[in-house]
C-alpha atoms as a PDB file:
ATOM      1  CA  MET A   1     -34.325 -20.312  44.380  1.00  0.00           C
ATOM      2  CA  LEU A   2     -30.540 -19.846  43.313  1.00  0.00           C
ATOM      3  CA  CYS A   3     -29.132 -16.823  42.959  1.00  0.00           C
ATOM      4  CA  PRO A   4     -27.693 -15.852  39.803  1.00  0.00           C
ATOM      5  CA  ARG A   5     -24.748 -13.797  41.102  1.00  0.00           C
ATOM      6  CA  CYS A   6     -23.314 -15.292  44.272  1.00  0.00           C
ATOM      7  CA  ARG A   7     -24.829 -19.112  44.068  1.00  0.00           C
ATOM      8  CA  THR A   8     -26.897 -18.960  47.565  1.00  0.00           C
ATOM      9  CA  GLU A   9     -29.959 -20.593  48.053  1.00  0.00           C
ATOM     10  CA  ASN A  10     -32.845 -18.518  48.832  1.00  0.00           C
ATOM     11  CA  ARG A  11     -36.488 -19.427  49.803  1.00  0.00           C
ATOM     12  CA  GLU A  12     -39.174 -19.096  47.098  1.00  0.00           C
ATOM     13  CA  GLY A  13     -40.923 -15.843  46.877  1.00  0.00           C
ATOM     14  CA  ARG A  14     -38.034 -13.438  47.749  1.00  0.00           C
ATOM     15  CA  ARG A  15     -37.003 -11.184  45.123  1.00  0.00           C
ATOM     16  CA  PHE A  16     -33.633 -10.252  46.191  1.00  0.00           C
ATOM     17  CA  CYS A  17     -30.840 -12.535  47.460  1.00  0.00           C
ATOM     18  CA  SER A  18     -30.259 -13.104  51.057  1.00  0.00           C
ATOM     19  CA  LYS A  19     -26.309 -12.750  50.647  1.00  0.00           C
ATOM     20  CA  CYS A  20     -25.738 -10.236  47.985  1.00  0.00           C
ATOM     21  CA  ALA A  21     -28.837  -8.575  47.290  1.00  0.00           C
ATOM     22  CA  ALA A  22     -28.986  -9.317  43.884  1.00  0.00           C
ATOM     23  CA  PRO A  23     -32.510  -9.289  42.125  1.00  0.00           C
ATOM     24  CA  LEU A  24     -34.094 -12.685  42.118  1.00  0.00           C
ATOM     25  CA  ALA A  25     -36.922 -11.904  40.265  1.00  0.00           C
ATOM     26  CA  VAL A  26     -38.237  -9.096  38.300  1.00  0.00           C
ATOM     27  CA  VAL A  27     -41.879  -8.029  38.282  1.00  0.00           C
ATOM     28  CA  CYS A  28     -43.324  -6.291  35.409  1.00  0.00           C
ATOM     29  CA  ALA A  29     -44.787  -2.745  36.236  1.00  0.00           C
ATOM     30  CA  SER A  30     -47.453  -3.437  33.469  1.00  0.00           C
ATOM     31  CA  CYS A  31     -48.879  -6.743  34.409  1.00  0.00           C
ATOM     32  CA  GLY A  32     -47.613  -7.898  37.377  1.00  0.00           C
ATOM     33  CA  PHE A  33     -45.589 -10.828  36.001  1.00  0.00           C
ATOM     34  CA  THR A  34     -42.513 -12.435  37.757  1.00  0.00           C
ATOM     35  CA  ASN A  35     -39.757 -12.547  35.382  1.00  0.00           C
ATOM     36  CA  ASP A  36     -36.008 -13.866  36.003  1.00  0.00           C
ATOM     37  CA  PRO A  37     -33.192 -11.347  36.204  1.00  0.00           C
ATOM     38  CA  GLY A  38     -31.890 -10.322  33.216  1.00  0.00           C
ATOM     39  CA  ASP A  39     -35.312 -10.704  30.835  1.00  0.00           C
ATOM     40  CA  GLU A  40     -35.427  -8.090  28.784  1.00  0.00           C
ATOM     41  CA  PHE A  41     -39.217  -8.344  28.091  1.00  0.00           C
ATOM     42  CA  CYS A  42     -41.875  -9.705  30.177  1.00  0.00           C
ATOM     43  CA  GLY A  43     -43.027 -12.887  29.955  1.00  0.00           C
ATOM     44  CA  GLY A  44     -46.731 -12.187  30.443  1.00  0.00           C
ATOM     45  CA  CYS A  45     -47.255  -8.925  28.181  1.00  0.00           C
ATOM     46  CA  ALA A  46     -44.101  -8.222  26.186  1.00  0.00           C
ATOM     47  CA  GLN A  47     -43.511  -5.136  28.134  1.00  0.00           C
ATOM     48  CA  SER A  48     -39.772  -4.033  27.974  1.00  0.00           C
ATOM     49  CA  LEU A  49     -38.748  -4.359  31.448  1.00  0.00           C
ATOM     50  CA  ARG A  50     -35.758  -2.143  31.064  1.00  0.00           C
ATOM     51  CA  ALA A  51     -36.250   1.172  33.128  1.00  0.00           C
ATOM     52  CA  GLY A  52     -37.270   4.066  31.386  1.00  0.00           C
ATOM     53  CA  THR A  53     -38.087   2.231  28.043  1.00  0.00           C
ATOM     54  CA  PRO A  54     -41.588   3.754  26.712  1.00  0.00           C
ATOM     55  CA  MET A  55     -44.384   1.383  26.496  1.00  0.00           C
ATOM     56  CA  PRO A  56     -44.922   0.696  22.782  1.00  0.00           C
ATOM     57  CA  ARG A  57     -48.107   2.011  21.434  1.00  0.00           C
ATOM     58  CA  LYS A  58     -51.038  -0.588  20.671  1.00  0.00           C
ATOM     59  CA  PHE A  59     -52.634   2.194  18.564  1.00  0.00           C
ATOM     60  CA  PRO A  60     -51.732   5.067  15.929  1.00  0.00           C
ATOM     61  CA  SER A  61     -51.655   8.354  17.291  1.00  0.00           C
ATOM     62  CA  PRO A  62     -54.827  10.603  17.357  1.00  0.00           C
ATOM     63  CA  GLU A  63     -53.367  12.716  14.565  1.00  0.00           C
ATOM     64  CA  SER A  64     -52.885   9.961  12.318  1.00  0.00           C
ATOM     65  CA  TYR A  65     -56.680   9.440  12.228  1.00  0.00           C
ATOM     66  CA  GLY A  66     -58.296  11.055   8.877  1.00  0.00           C
ATOM     67  CA  LYS A  67     -54.917  12.638   8.028  1.00  0.00           C
ATOM     68  CA  GLY A  68     -55.378  15.117   5.233  1.00  0.00           C
ATOM     69  CA  SER A  69     -59.132  15.084   5.030  1.00  0.00           C
ATOM     70  CA  LYS A  70     -60.620  17.591   7.213  1.00  0.00           C
ATOM     71  CA  THR A  71     -63.764  17.656   5.268  1.00  0.00           C
ATOM     72  CA  SER A  72     -64.441  14.269   6.626  1.00  0.00           C
ATOM     73  CA  SER A  73     -64.392  15.391  10.219  1.00  0.00           C
ATOM     74  CA  SER A  74     -66.230  18.344   9.298  1.00  0.00           C
ATOM     75  CA  ARG A  75     -68.853  15.946   7.477  1.00  0.00           C
ATOM     76  CA  LEU A  76     -68.865  14.011  10.675  1.00  0.00           C
ATOM     77  CA  SER A  77     -69.446  16.429  12.664  1.00  0.00           C
ATOM     78  CA  SER A  78     -72.134  17.822  10.857  1.00  0.00           C
ATOM     79  CA  ASP A  79     -73.974  14.476  10.507  1.00  0.00           C
ATOM     80  CA  LEU A  80     -73.433  13.849  14.421  1.00  0.00           C
ATOM     81  CA  HIS A  81     -75.556  17.269  14.685  1.00  0.00           C
ATOM     82  CA  SER A  82     -78.117  16.340  12.592  1.00  0.00           C
ATOM     83  CA  ALA A  83     -78.849  13.085  14.057  1.00  0.00           C
ATOM     84  CA  LEU A  84     -78.875  14.680  17.580  1.00  0.00           C
ATOM     85  CA  SER A  85     -81.394  17.422  16.402  1.00  0.00           C
END
């Protein structure tokens, strides 16, 4: 594997260059996929590889469910209570 910074040949499997310590591979914290240095998003799960970037939500926030319809949640609670009785 050729170091992108100093062009030194490194053995396969190394994560950092043996000559200049530049990263040779970036492992995704979310899925473990090995990405090239300089990649901004994971090739395995599309997660941002930048440190401190929050993971995008897969689902809407709980607050968004039933917005403006407290009667629906009250009715659901009532229906659930009746079903369990």
